[in-house]
PDB file of N, CA and C in Angstrom:
ATOM      1  N   MET A   1    -208.902   5.902-111.335  1.00  0.00           N
ATOM      2  CA  MET A   1    -209.049   6.950-110.500  1.00  0.00           C
ATOM      3  C   MET A   1    -208.202   8.163-110.096  1.00  0.00           C
ATOM      4  N   SER A   2    -208.058   9.389-110.754  1.00  0.00           N
ATOM      5  CA  SER A   2    -207.047  10.062-110.583  1.00  0.00           C
ATOM      6  C   SER A   2    -206.916  10.873-108.908  1.00  0.00           C
ATOM      7  N   GLU A   3    -205.497  11.165-108.593  1.00  0.00           N
ATOM      8  CA  GLU A   3    -205.278  11.795-107.434  1.00  0.00           C
ATOM      9  C   GLU A   3    -206.176  13.075-107.701  1.00  0.00           C
ATOM     10  N   PRO A   4    -206.652  13.443-105.959  1.00  0.00           N
ATOM     11  CA  PRO A   4    -206.872  15.394-105.979  1.00  0.00           C
ATOM     12  C   PRO A   4    -206.070  16.146-106.596  1.00  0.00           C
ATOM     13  N   LEU A   5    -206.117  16.917-106.913  1.00  0.00           N
ATOM     14  CA  LEU A   5    -204.779  18.062-107.166  1.00  0.00           C
ATOM     15  C   LEU A   5    -204.512  18.958-105.930  1.00  0.00           C
ATOM     16  N   PHE A   6    -205.372  18.921-105.072  1.00  0.00           N
ATOM     17  CA  PHE A   6    -204.736  19.233-103.569  1.00  0.00           C
ATOM     18  C   PHE A   6    -205.455  18.126-102.250  1.00  0.00           C
ATOM     19  N   THR A   7    -204.895  17.986-101.443  1.00  0.00           N
ATOM     20  CA  THR A   7    -205.241  16.888-100.173  1.00  0.00           C
ATOM     21  C   THR A   7    -205.871  18.007 -99.251  1.00  0.00           C
ATOM     22  N   ASP A   8    -206.348  17.273 -98.381  1.00  0.00           N
ATOM     23  CA  ASP A   8    -206.668  18.248 -97.196  1.00  0.00           C
ATOM     24  C   ASP A   8    -205.935  18.699 -96.375  1.00  0.00           C
ATOM     25  N   ASP A   9    -204.775  18.101 -96.486  1.00  0.00           N
ATOM     26  CA  ASP A   9    -203.637  18.728 -95.549  1.00  0.00           C
ATOM     27  C   ASP A   9    -203.508  20.076 -96.261  1.00  0.00           C
ATOM     28  N   ASP A  10    -203.062  19.955 -97.911  1.00  0.00           N
ATOM     29  CA  ASP A  10    -203.005  21.141 -98.090  1.00  0.00           C
ATOM     30  C   ASP A  10    -203.839  22.152 -98.091  1.00  0.00           C
ATOM     31  N   LEU A  11    -205.022  21.879 -98.340  1.00  0.00           N
ATOM     32  CA  LEU A  11    -205.788  22.920 -97.840  1.00  0.00           C
ATOM     33  C   LEU A  11    -205.537  23.584 -96.484  1.00  0.00           C
ATOM     34  N   GLN A  12    -205.767  23.010 -95.714  1.00  0.00           N
ATOM     35  CA  GLN A  12    -205.684  23.362 -94.339  1.00  0.00           C
ATOM     36  C   GLN A  12    -204.376  24.166 -94.194  1.00  0.00           C
ATOM     37  N   LYS A  13    -203.006  23.958 -94.800  1.00  0.00           N
ATOM     38  CA  LYS A  13    -201.967  24.616 -94.774  1.00  0.00           C
ATOM     39  C   LYS A  13    -202.161  26.364 -95.191  1.00  0.00           C
ATOM     40  N   GLU A  14    -202.927  26.027 -95.916  1.00  0.00           N
ATOM     41  CA  GLU A  14    -202.948  27.027 -97.207  1.00  0.00           C
ATOM     42  C   GLU A  14    -204.013  28.247 -96.054  1.00  0.00           C
ATOM     43  N   SER A  15    -205.358  27.567 -95.602  1.00  0.00           N
ATOM     44  CA  SER A  15    -206.209  28.117 -94.872  1.00  0.00           C
ATOM     45  C   SER A  15    -204.828  28.955 -93.411  1.00  0.00           C
ATOM     46  N   ASN A  16    -204.189  27.933 -92.726  1.00  0.00           N
ATOM     47  CA  ASN A  16    -203.158  28.325 -91.550  1.00  0.00           C
ATOM     48  C   ASN A  16    -202.639  29.519 -92.471  1.00  0.00           C
ATOM     49  N   HIS A  17    -201.934  29.379 -93.538  1.00  0.00           N
ATOM     50  CA  HIS A  17    -201.040  30.456 -94.040  1.00  0.00           C
ATOM     51  C   HIS A  17    -201.965  31.682 -94.376  1.00  0.00           C
ATOM     52  N   LYS A  18    -203.252  31.692 -94.753  1.00  0.00           N
ATOM     53  CA  LYS A  18    -203.792  32.734 -94.853  1.00  0.00           C
ATOM     54  C   LYS A  18    -203.804  33.485 -93.887  1.00  0.00           C
ATOM     55  N   ASN A  19    -204.560  32.967 -92.496  1.00  0.00           N
ATOM     56  CA  ASN A  19    -204.645  33.446 -91.490  1.00  0.00           C
ATOM     57  C   ASN A  19    -203.800  33.897 -90.645  1.00  0.00           C
ATOM     58  N   VAL A  20    -202.481  33.166 -90.988  1.00  0.00           N
ATOM     59  CA  VAL A  20    -201.184  34.058 -90.442  1.00  0.00           C
ATOM     60  C   VAL A  20    -201.054  35.213 -91.381  1.00  0.00           C
ATOM     61  N   THR A  21    -201.255  35.470 -92.385  1.00  0.00           N
ATOM     62  CA  THR A  21    -201.006  36.822 -93.384  1.00  0.00           C
ATOM     63  C   THR A  21    -202.473  37.877 -92.809  1.00  0.00           C
ATOM     64  N   MET A  22    -203.195  37.367 -92.328  1.00  0.00           N
ATOM     65  CA  MET A  22    -204.094  38.217 -92.125  1.00  0.00           C
ATOM     66  C   MET A  22    -203.825  39.126 -90.958  1.00  0.00           C
ATOM     67  N   LEU A  23    -203.376  38.037 -89.826  1.00  0.00           N
ATOM     68  CA  LEU A  23    -202.732  39.017 -88.451  1.00  0.00           C
ATOM     69  C   LEU A  23    -201.981  39.532 -88.770  1.00  0.00           C
ATOM     70  N   ILE A  24    -200.855  39.176 -89.518  1.00  0.00           N
ATOM     71  CA  ILE A  24    -200.142  40.219 -89.668  1.00  0.00           C
ATOM     72  C   ILE A  24    -200.407  41.362 -90.012  1.00  0.00           C
ATOM     73  N   TYR A  25    -201.279  41.581 -91.217  1.00  0.00           N
ATOM     74  CA  TYR A  25    -201.763  43.149 -91.634  1.00  0.00           C
ATOM     75  C   TYR A  25    -202.812  43.555 -90.645  1.00  0.00           C
ATOM     76  N   ILE A  26    -203.537  42.636 -89.583  1.00  0.00           N
ATOM     77  CA  ILE A  26    -203.864  43.566 -88.142  1.00  0.00           C
ATOM     78  C   ILE A  26    -202.873  44.058 -87.472  1.00  0.00           C
ATOM     79  N   LEU A  27    -201.986  43.439 -87.251  1.00  0.00           N
ATOM     80  CA  LEU A  27    -200.914  43.745 -86.797  1.00  0.00           C
ATOM     81  C   LEU A  27    -200.055  44.944 -86.543  1.00  0.00           C
ATOM     82  N   LEU A  28    -200.050  45.371 -88.136  1.00  0.00           N
ATOM     83  CA  LEU A  28    -199.736  46.369 -89.227  1.00  0.00           C
ATOM     84  C   LEU A  28    -200.641  47.209 -88.255  1.00  0.00           C
ATOM     85  N   ALA A  29    -202.054  47.142 -88.776  1.00  0.00           N
ATOM     86  CA  ALA A  29    -202.819  48.130 -88.273  1.00  0.00           C
ATOM     87  C   ALA A  29    -203.038  48.462 -86.929  1.00  0.00           C
ATOM     88  N   LEU A  30    -202.515  47.611 -86.307  1.00  0.00           N
ATOM     89  CA  LEU A  30    -202.812  47.908 -84.517  1.00  0.00           C
ATOM     90  C   LEU A  30    -201.545  49.107 -84.207  1.00  0.00           C
ATOM     91  N   GLY A  31    -200.130  48.960 -85.401  1.00  0.00           N
ATOM     92  CA  GLY A  31    -199.262  49.771 -84.852  1.00  0.00           C
ATOM     93  C   GLY A  31    -199.492  51.002 -84.327  1.00  0.00           C
ATOM     94  N   PHE A  32    -200.402  51.546 -85.356  1.00  0.00           N
ATOM     95  CA  PHE A  32    -200.968  53.035 -85.226  1.00  0.00           C
ATOM     96  C   PHE A  32    -201.423  53.564 -83.773  1.00  0.00           C
ATOM     97  N   VAL A  33    -201.745  52.317 -83.258  1.00  0.00           N
ATOM     98  CA  VAL A  33    -201.919  52.794 -81.511  1.00  0.00           C
ATOM     99  C   VAL A  33    -201.375  51.890 -80.697  1.00  0.00           C
ATOM    100  N   THR A  34    -200.017  51.286 -80.960  1.00  0.00           N
ATOM    101  CA  THR A  34    -199.145  50.735 -79.825  1.00  0.00           C
ATOM    102  C   THR A  34    -197.713  51.446 -80.294  1.00  0.00           C
ATOM    103  N   GLY A  35    -197.612  52.303 -80.774  1.00  0.00           N
ATOM    104  CA  GLY A  35    -196.545  53.174 -81.392  1.00  0.00           C
ATOM    105  C   GLY A  35    -195.299  52.026 -81.942  1.00  0.00           C
ATOM    106  N   GLY A  36    -195.884  51.424 -82.875  1.00  0.00           N
ATOM    107  CA  GLY A  36    -195.343  50.482 -83.803  1.00  0.00           C
ATOM    108  C   GLY A  36    -194.614  49.184 -83.542  1.00  0.00           C
ATOM    109  N   LEU A  37    -195.304  48.721 -81.881  1.00  0.00           N
ATOM    110  CA  LEU A  37    -194.521  47.541 -81.436  1.00  0.00           C
ATOM    111  C   LEU A  37    -195.499  46.690 -82.428  1.00  0.00           C
ATOM    112  N   THR A  38    -196.539  46.527 -82.236  1.00  0.00           N
ATOM    113  CA  THR A  38    -196.978  45.229 -83.049  1.00  0.00           C
ATOM    114  C   THR A  38    -196.735  45.032 -84.289  1.00  0.00           C
ATOM    115  N   ALA A  39    -195.969  46.269 -85.351  1.00  0.00           N
ATOM    116  CA  ALA A  39    -195.758  46.095 -86.761  1.00  0.00           C
ATOM    117  C   ALA A  39    -194.499  45.649 -86.738  1.00  0.00           C
ATOM    118  N   ILE A  40    -193.874  45.792 -85.452  1.00  0.00           N
ATOM    119  CA  ILE A  40    -192.196  45.025 -85.458  1.00  0.00           C
ATOM    120  C   ILE A  40    -192.723  43.430 -85.401  1.00  0.00           C
ATOM    121  N   ALA A  41    -193.560  43.084 -84.154  1.00  0.00           N
ATOM    122  CA  ALA A  41    -194.006  42.027 -84.137  1.00  0.00           C
ATOM    123  C   ALA A  41    -194.349  41.273 -85.748  1.00  0.00           C
ATOM    124  N   ALA A  42    -194.723  41.935 -86.759  1.00  0.00           N
ATOM    125  CA  ALA A  42    -195.584  42.104 -87.452  1.00  0.00           C
ATOM    126  C   ALA A  42    -194.633  41.197 -88.763  1.00  0.00           C
ATOM    127  N   VAL A  43    -193.414  41.917 -88.918  1.00  0.00           N
ATOM    128  CA  VAL A  43    -192.189  41.946 -89.874  1.00  0.00           C
ATOM    129  C   VAL A  43    -191.292  40.476 -89.149  1.00  0.00           C
ATOM    130  N   ILE A  44    -191.579  40.540 -87.980  1.00  0.00           N
ATOM    131  CA  ILE A  44    -190.559  39.109 -87.459  1.00  0.00           C
ATOM    132  C   ILE A  44    -191.387  37.978 -87.942  1.00  0.00           C
ATOM    133  N   ILE A  45    -193.038  38.158 -87.944  1.00  0.00           N
ATOM    134  CA  ILE A  45    -193.365  36.914 -88.093  1.00  0.00           C
ATOM    135  C   ILE A  45    -193.422  37.064 -89.647  1.00  0.00           C
ATOM    136  N   ASN A  46    -193.249  37.709 -90.643  1.00  0.00           N
ATOM    137  CA  ASN A  46    -193.130  37.882 -91.798  1.00  0.00           C
ATOM    138  C   ASN A  46    -191.550  37.284 -91.860  1.00  0.00           C
ATOM    139  N   TYR A  47    -190.386  37.315 -91.286  1.00  0.00           N
ATOM    140  CA  TYR A  47    -189.641  36.737 -91.959  1.00  0.00           C
ATOM    141  C   TYR A  47    -189.404  35.392 -91.544  1.00  0.00           C
ATOM    142  N   ILE A  48    -190.039  35.054 -90.292  1.00  0.00           N
ATOM    143  CA  ILE A  48    -189.926  33.898 -89.607  1.00  0.00           C
ATOM    144  C   ILE A  48    -191.046  32.728 -90.911  1.00  0.00           C
ATOM    145  N   LYS A  49    -192.078  33.350 -91.240  1.00  0.00           N
ATOM    146  CA  LYS A  49    -193.277  32.430 -91.847  1.00  0.00           C
ATOM    147  C   LYS A  49    -192.875  31.957 -93.568  1.00  0.00           C
ATOM    148  N   ARG A  50    -191.989  33.488 -93.813  1.00  0.00           N
ATOM    149  CA  ARG A  50    -191.970  33.972 -95.542  1.00  0.00           C
ATOM    150  C   ARG A  50    -191.522  32.236 -96.230  1.00  0.00           C
ATOM    151  N   ASP A  51    -190.637  31.646 -95.896  1.00  0.00           N
ATOM    152  CA  ASP A  51    -190.552  30.440 -96.272  1.00  0.00           C
ATOM    153  C   ASP A  51    -191.686  28.976 -96.772  1.00  0.00           C
ATOM    154  N   ASP A  52    -192.859  29.496 -95.862  1.00  0.00           N
ATOM    155  CA  ASP A  52    -193.785  28.374 -95.633  1.00  0.00           C
ATOM    156  C   ASP A  52    -194.600  28.687 -96.604  1.00  0.00           C
ATOM    157  N   VAL A  53    -194.712  30.072 -97.136  1.00  0.00           N
ATOM    158  CA  VAL A  53    -195.429  30.514 -98.400  1.00  0.00           C
ATOM    159  C   VAL A  53    -194.772  30.771 -99.613  1.00  0.00           C
ATOM    160  N   ARG A  54    -193.550  30.681 -99.714  1.00  0.00           N
ATOM    161  CA  ARG A  54    -192.491  30.822-100.750  1.00  0.00           C
ATOM    162  C   ARG A  54    -193.496  29.850-102.133  1.00  0.00           C
ATOM    163  N   GLY A  55    -193.367  30.219-103.299  1.00  0.00           N
ATOM    164  CA  GLY A  55    -194.123  29.960-104.257  1.00  0.00           C
ATOM    165  C   GLY A  55    -195.890  29.968-104.449  1.00  0.00           C
ATOM    166  N   SER A  56    -196.366  30.695-103.449  1.00  0.00           N
ATOM    167  CA  SER A  56    -197.711  30.579-103.423  1.00  0.00           C
ATOM    168  C   SER A  56    -198.366  31.423-103.850  1.00  0.00           C
ATOM    169  N   TRP A  57    -199.679  31.901-103.611  1.00  0.00           N
ATOM    170  CA  TRP A  57    -200.426  33.098-104.233  1.00  0.00           C
ATOM    171  C   TRP A  57    -200.276  34.483-102.712  1.00  0.00           C
ATOM    172  N   LEU A  58    -199.763  33.315-101.440  1.00  0.00           N
ATOM    173  CA  LEU A  58    -199.617  34.425-100.242  1.00  0.00           C
ATOM    174  C   LEU A  58    -198.378  34.867-100.577  1.00  0.00           C
ATOM    175  N   GLU A  59    -197.335  34.384-101.208  1.00  0.00           N
ATOM    176  CA  GLU A  59    -195.833  35.078-101.136  1.00  0.00           C
ATOM    177  C   GLU A  59    -196.074  36.951-101.318  1.00  0.00           C
ATOM    178  N   GLY A  60    -196.514  37.090-102.204  1.00  0.00           N
ATOM    179  CA  GLY A  60    -196.710  38.405-102.942  1.00  0.00           C
ATOM    180  C   GLY A  60    -197.602  39.207-101.499  1.00  0.00           C
ATOM    181  N   HIS A  61    -198.080  38.450-100.910  1.00  0.00           N
ATOM    182  CA  HIS A  61    -198.935  39.280 -99.206  1.00  0.00           C
ATOM    183  C   HIS A  61    -197.503  39.511 -98.833  1.00  0.00           C
ATOM    184  N   PHE A  62    -197.050  38.425 -98.597  1.00  0.00           N
ATOM    185  CA  PHE A  62    -195.557  38.723 -97.758  1.00  0.00           C
ATOM    186  C   PHE A  62    -194.494  39.806 -97.950  1.00  0.00           C
ATOM    187  N   ARG A  63    -194.298  39.915 -99.310  1.00  0.00           N
ATOM    188  CA  ARG A  63    -193.255  40.772 -99.920  1.00  0.00           C
ATOM    189  C   ARG A  63    -194.185  42.340-100.024  1.00  0.00           C
ATOM    190  N   TRP A  64    -195.499  42.321-100.161  1.00  0.00           N
ATOM    191  CA  TRP A  64    -195.983  43.465 -99.652  1.00  0.00           C
ATOM    192  C   TRP A  64    -196.048  44.134 -98.229  1.00  0.00           C
ATOM    193  N   GLN A  65    -196.171  43.050 -97.197  1.00  0.00           N
ATOM    194  CA  GLN A  65    -196.328  43.505 -95.884  1.00  0.00           C
ATOM    195  C   GLN A  65    -194.962  44.047 -95.412  1.00  0.00           C
ATOM    196  N   ILE A  66    -193.710  43.035 -95.946  1.00  0.00           N
ATOM    197  CA  ILE A  66    -192.460  43.627 -95.497  1.00  0.00           C
ATOM    198  C   ILE A  66    -191.846  44.912 -96.047  1.00  0.00           C
ATOM    199  N   ASN A  67    -192.334  45.204 -97.027  1.00  0.00           N
ATOM    200  CA  ASN A  67    -191.846  46.757 -97.991  1.00  0.00           C
ATOM    201  C   ASN A  67    -193.012  47.658 -97.184  1.00  0.00           C
ATOM    202  N   THR A  68    -194.182  47.118 -97.067  1.00  0.00           N
ATOM    203  CA  THR A  68    -194.876  48.258 -96.392  1.00  0.00           C
ATOM    204  C   THR A  68    -194.279  48.498 -94.809  1.00  0.00           C
ATOM    205  N   PHE A  69    -193.652  47.918 -94.005  1.00  0.00           N
ATOM    206  CA  PHE A  69    -192.817  48.167 -92.940  1.00  0.00           C
ATOM    207  C   PHE A  69    -191.749  48.617 -93.217  1.00  0.00           C
ATOM    208  N   TRP A  70    -191.069  48.280 -94.121  1.00  0.00           N
ATOM    209  CA  TRP A  70    -189.679  48.749 -94.009  1.00  0.00           C
ATOM    210  C   TRP A  70    -189.681  50.562 -94.461  1.00  0.00           C
ATOM    211  N   PHE A  71    -190.654  50.635 -95.786  1.00  0.00           N
ATOM    212  CA  PHE A  71    -190.543  51.835 -96.122  1.00  0.00           C
ATOM    213  C   PHE A  71    -191.518  52.678 -95.495  1.00  0.00           C
ATOM    214  N   GLY A  72    -192.211  52.258 -94.492  1.00  0.00           N
ATOM    215  CA  GLY A  72    -193.068  52.841 -93.568  1.00  0.00           C
ATOM    216  C   GLY A  72    -192.229  53.500 -92.432  1.00  0.00           C
ATOM    217  N   LEU A  73    -191.203  52.963 -92.136  1.00  0.00           N
ATOM    218  CA  LEU A  73    -190.153  53.272 -91.534  1.00  0.00           C
ATOM    219  C   LEU A  73    -189.674  54.066 -91.669  1.00  0.00           C
ATOM    220  N   LEU A  74    -188.763  54.124 -93.035  1.00  0.00           N
ATOM    221  CA  LEU A  74    -188.200  54.850 -93.461  1.00  0.00           C
ATOM    222  C   LEU A  74    -188.739  56.262 -93.873  1.00  0.00           C
ATOM    223  N   TRP A  75    -190.008  56.228 -94.010  1.00  0.00           N
ATOM    224  CA  TRP A  75    -190.884  57.842 -94.396  1.00  0.00           C
ATOM    225  C   TRP A  75    -191.207  58.343 -92.742  1.00  0.00           C
ATOM    226  N   THR A  76    -191.227  57.580 -91.742  1.00  0.00           N
ATOM    227  CA  THR A  76    -191.555  58.032 -90.470  1.00  0.00           C
ATOM    228  C   THR A  76    -190.350  58.500 -90.150  1.00  0.00           C
ATOM    229  N   ILE A  77    -189.163  58.104 -89.882  1.00  0.00           N
ATOM    230  CA  ILE A  77    -187.822  58.405 -89.852  1.00  0.00           C
ATOM    231  C   ILE A  77    -187.958  59.865 -90.283  1.00  0.00           C
ATOM    232  N   ILE A  78    -187.957  60.327 -91.589  1.00  0.00           N
ATOM    233  CA  ILE A  78    -187.759  61.499 -92.302  1.00  0.00           C
ATOM    234  C   ILE A  78    -189.301  62.673 -91.788  1.00  0.00           C
ATOM    235  N   ALA A  79    -190.162  61.974 -91.634  1.00  0.00           N
ATOM    236  CA  ALA A  79    -191.046  62.394 -91.662  1.00  0.00           C
ATOM    237  C   ALA A  79    -190.704  63.225 -89.691  1.00  0.00           C
ATOM    238  N   PHE A  80    -190.064  62.376 -88.995  1.00  0.00           N
ATOM    239  CA  PHE A  80    -189.929  62.960 -87.725  1.00  0.00           C
ATOM    240  C   PHE A  80    -188.614  64.107 -88.284  1.00  0.00           C
ATOM    241  N   LEU A  81    -187.444  63.742 -88.586  1.00  0.00           N
ATOM    242  CA  LEU A  81    -186.612  64.680 -89.003  1.00  0.00           C
ATOM    243  C   LEU A  81    -187.018  65.880 -89.723  1.00  0.00           C
ATOM    244  N   THR A  82    -187.928  65.894 -90.012  1.00  0.00           N
ATOM    245  CA  THR A  82    -188.474  67.122 -91.203  1.00  0.00           C
ATOM    246  C   THR A  82    -189.542  68.369 -90.069  1.00  0.00           C
ATOM    247  N   TRP A  83    -189.621  67.026 -88.583  1.00  0.00           N
ATOM    248  CA  TRP A  83    -190.784  67.611 -87.931  1.00  0.00           C
ATOM    249  C   TRP A  83    -190.353  69.738 -87.405  1.00  0.00           C
ATOM    250  N   LEU A  84    -188.942  69.464 -87.549  1.00  0.00           N
ATOM    251  CA  LEU A  84    -188.000  70.552 -86.781  1.00  0.00           C
ATOM    252  C   LEU A  84    -188.474  71.524 -87.890  1.00  0.00           C
ATOM    253  N   VAL A  85    -188.700  71.585 -88.901  1.00  0.00           N
ATOM    254  CA  VAL A  85    -189.021  72.794 -89.820  1.00  0.00           C
ATOM    255  C   VAL A  85    -189.964  72.977 -90.403  1.00  0.00           C
ATOM    256  N   LEU A  86    -191.147  72.173 -89.634  1.00  0.00           N
ATOM    257  CA  LEU A  86    -192.489  72.129 -89.761  1.00  0.00           C
ATOM    258  C   LEU A  86    -193.342  71.198 -91.067  1.00  0.00           C
ATOM    259  N   LEU A  87    -192.271  70.933 -91.333  1.00  0.00           N
ATOM    260  CA  LEU A  87    -192.692  69.975 -92.896  1.00  0.00           C
ATOM    261  C   LEU A  87    -193.272  68.779 -92.381  1.00  0.00           C
ATOM    262  N   GLY A  88    -193.074  68.614 -91.221  1.00  0.00           N
ATOM    263  CA  GLY A  88    -193.264  66.730 -90.037  1.00  0.00           C
ATOM    264  C   GLY A  88    -194.554  66.490 -90.400  1.00  0.00           C
ATOM    265  N   TRP A  89    -195.599  67.659 -90.142  1.00  0.00           N
ATOM    266  CA  TRP A  89    -197.215  67.825 -90.179  1.00  0.00           C
ATOM    267  C   TRP A  89    -197.511  66.789 -91.416  1.00  0.00           C
ATOM    268  N   PHE A  90    -196.792  67.504 -92.700  1.00  0.00           N
ATOM    269  CA  PHE A  90    -197.404  67.275 -93.900  1.00  0.00           C
ATOM    270  C   PHE A  90    -196.941  65.636 -94.277  1.00  0.00           C
ATOM    271  N   THR A  91    -195.520  65.789 -94.077  1.00  0.00           N
ATOM    272  CA  THR A  91    -194.844  64.353 -94.174  1.00  0.00           C
ATOM    273  C   THR A  91    -195.660  63.207 -93.532  1.00  0.00           C
ATOM    274  N   GLY A  92    -195.409  63.569 -92.548  1.00  0.00           N
ATOM    275  CA  GLY A  92    -196.499  62.428 -91.166  1.00  0.00           C
ATOM    276  C   GLY A  92    -197.924  61.998 -91.845  1.00  0.00           C
ATOM    277  N   ALA A  93    -198.523  63.220 -92.400  1.00  0.00           N
ATOM    278  CA  ALA A  93    -199.734  62.722 -92.698  1.00  0.00           C
ATOM    279  C   ALA A  93    -200.095  62.059 -94.040  1.00  0.00           C
ATOM    280  N   LEU A  94    -198.815  62.427 -95.230  1.00  0.00           N
ATOM    281  CA  LEU A  94    -198.625  61.105 -95.908  1.00  0.00           C
ATOM    282  C   LEU A  94    -198.587  59.746 -95.972  1.00  0.00           C
ATOM    283  N   VAL A  95    -197.596  59.865 -94.829  1.00  0.00           N
ATOM    284  CA  VAL A  95    -196.789  58.475 -94.244  1.00  0.00           C
ATOM    285  C   VAL A  95    -198.177  57.520 -93.777  1.00  0.00           C
ATOM    286  N   THR A  96    -198.953  58.436 -92.782  1.00  0.00           N
ATOM    287  CA  THR A  96    -200.392  57.901 -92.625  1.00  0.00           C
ATOM    288  C   THR A  96    -201.257  57.247 -93.452  1.00  0.00           C
ATOM    289  N   ILE A  97    -201.488  58.493 -94.328  1.00  0.00           N
ATOM    290  CA  ILE A  97    -202.501  57.884 -95.673  1.00  0.00           C
ATOM    291  C   ILE A  97    -201.718  56.601 -96.442  1.00  0.00           C
ATOM    292  N   TRP A  98    -200.407  56.845 -96.804  1.00  0.00           N
ATOM    293  CA  TRP A  98    -199.751  55.474 -97.138  1.00  0.00           C
ATOM    294  C   TRP A  98    -199.686  54.238 -96.487  1.00  0.00           C
ATOM    295  N   LEU A  99    -199.540  54.493 -95.498  1.00  0.00           N
ATOM    296  CA  LEU A  99    -199.597  53.306 -94.755  1.00  0.00           C
ATOM    297  C   LEU A  99    -201.196  52.627 -94.569  1.00  0.00           C
ATOM    298  N   VAL A 100    -202.051  53.218 -94.304  1.00  0.00           N
ATOM    299  CA  VAL A 100    -203.318  53.081 -94.304  1.00  0.00           C
ATOM    300  C   VAL A 100    -203.978  52.618 -95.774  1.00  0.00           C
ATOM    301  N   TYR A 101    -203.547  53.005 -96.682  1.00  0.00           N
ATOM    302  CA  TYR A 101    -204.034  52.787 -98.342  1.00  0.00           C
ATOM    303  C   TYR A 101    -203.343  50.832 -98.076  1.00  0.00           C
ATOM    304  N   ARG A 102    -201.751  50.962 -97.667  1.00  0.00           N
ATOM    305  CA  ARG A 102    -201.248  49.867 -98.209  1.00  0.00           C
ATOM    306  C   ARG A 102    -201.578  48.475 -97.408  1.00  0.00           C
ATOM    307  N   ILE A 103    -202.110  48.664 -95.995  1.00  0.00           N
ATOM    308  CA  ILE A 103    -202.500  47.782 -95.051  1.00  0.00           C
ATOM    309  C   ILE A 103    -204.314  47.336 -95.680  1.00  0.00           C
ATOM    310  N   ALA A 104    -204.695  48.358 -95.962  1.00  0.00           N
ATOM    311  CA  ALA A 104    -206.100  48.282 -96.352  1.00  0.00           C
ATOM    312  C   ALA A 104    -206.450  47.487 -97.769  1.00  0.00           C
ATOM    313  N   LYS A 105    -205.388  47.786 -98.688  1.00  0.00           N
ATOM    314  CA  LYS A 105    -205.737  47.263 -99.987  1.00  0.00           C
ATOM    315  C   LYS A 105    -205.384  45.715 -99.986  1.00  0.00           C
ATOM    316  N   GLY A 106    -204.228  45.186 -99.112  1.00  0.00           N
ATOM    317  CA  GLY A 106    -203.073  44.131 -98.905  1.00  0.00           C
ATOM    318  C   GLY A 106    -204.393  43.341 -98.062  1.00  0.00           C
ATOM    319  N   ALA A 107    -205.360  43.822 -97.368  1.00  0.00           N
ATOM    320  CA  ALA A 107    -206.081  43.144 -96.442  1.00  0.00           C
ATOM    321  C   ALA A 107    -207.262  42.547 -97.247  1.00  0.00           C
ATOM    322  N   ILE A 108    -207.908  43.326 -97.972  1.00  0.00           N
ATOM    323  CA  ILE A 108    -209.052  43.167 -98.821  1.00  0.00           C
ATOM    324  C   ILE A 108    -208.489  42.333-100.010  1.00  0.00           C
ATOM    325  N   TYR A 109    -207.489  42.149-100.493  1.00  0.00           N
ATOM    326  CA  TYR A 109    -207.056  41.653-101.958  1.00  0.00           C
ATOM    327  C   TYR A 109    -206.883  40.135-100.839  1.00  0.00           C
ATOM    328  N   LEU A 110    -206.378  39.940 -99.734  1.00  0.00           N
ATOM    329  CA  LEU A 110    -206.228  38.994 -99.179  1.00  0.00           C
ATOM    330  C   LEU A 110    -207.533  37.757 -99.222  1.00  0.00           C
ATOM    331  N   ASN A 111    -208.582  39.069 -98.359  1.00  0.00           N
ATOM    332  CA  ASN A 111    -209.650  38.370 -98.347  1.00  0.00           C
ATOM    333  C   ASN A 111    -211.065  38.056 -99.506  1.00  0.00           C
ATOM    334  N   ASP A 112    -210.172  38.705-100.576  1.00  0.00           N
ATOM    335  CA  ASP A 112    -210.750  38.209-102.091  1.00  0.00           C
ATOM    336  C   ASP A 112    -209.978  37.277-102.896  1.00  0.00           C
ATOM    337  N   ASN A 113    -208.975  36.551-102.226  1.00  0.00           N
ATOM    338  CA  ASN A 113    -208.257  35.556-102.327  1.00  0.00           C
ATOM    339  C   ASN A 113    -207.238  36.243-103.681  1.00  0.00           C
ATOM    340  N   LYS A 114    -206.928  37.322-103.660  1.00  0.00           N
ATOM    341  CA  LYS A 114    -206.046  37.844-104.593  1.00  0.00           C
ATOM    342  C   LYS A 114    -204.871  38.273-104.575  1.00  0.00           C
ATOM    343  N   THR A 115    -203.542  37.909-105.131  1.00  0.00           N
ATOM    344  CA  THR A 115    -202.150  37.942-105.006  1.00  0.00           C
ATOM    345  C   THR A 115    -202.082  39.418-105.030  1.00  0.00           C
ATOM    346  N   MET A 116    -200.809  39.646-104.197  1.00  0.00           N
ATOM    347  CA  MET A 116    -200.781  41.154-104.624  1.00  0.00           C
ATOM    348  C   MET A 116    -199.167  41.240-105.068  1.00  0.00           C
ATOM    349  N   VAL A 117    -199.271  42.180-106.429  1.00  0.00           N
ATOM    350  CA  VAL A 117    -198.121  42.417-107.021  1.00  0.00           C
ATOM    351  C   VAL A 117    -197.518  43.438-106.703  1.00  0.00           C
ATOM    352  N   VAL A 118    -196.210  43.302-106.527  1.00  0.00           N
ATOM    353  CA  VAL A 118    -195.193  44.145-105.493  1.00  0.00           C
ATOM    354  C   VAL A 118    -194.358  44.505-106.708  1.00  0.00           C
TER     355      VAL A 118
END
């Protein structure tokens, strides 16, 4: 009889990693109401757990989340700086829409067990 492709331990680890990945999406989303504090926690978890998902289908989600955080921070700073010339309203709205899109798309793909292509 041949060995199974995945052991129960492998399946449990993948389930745990998927749960952590969803938690990170939730923390990123909560960043809108916590002033970004949970988003900072999310990116810290990303960097701590990144090696655990390396080589798996979840690795793309981690890159997606990390890029979402850093580019979101960059564009938020730019929006804040342009606030002085009244372009901040427009830039801030664009950043918010972009962040909501990235978080929603990632969470939906994760729920559907699809990898993220960055």
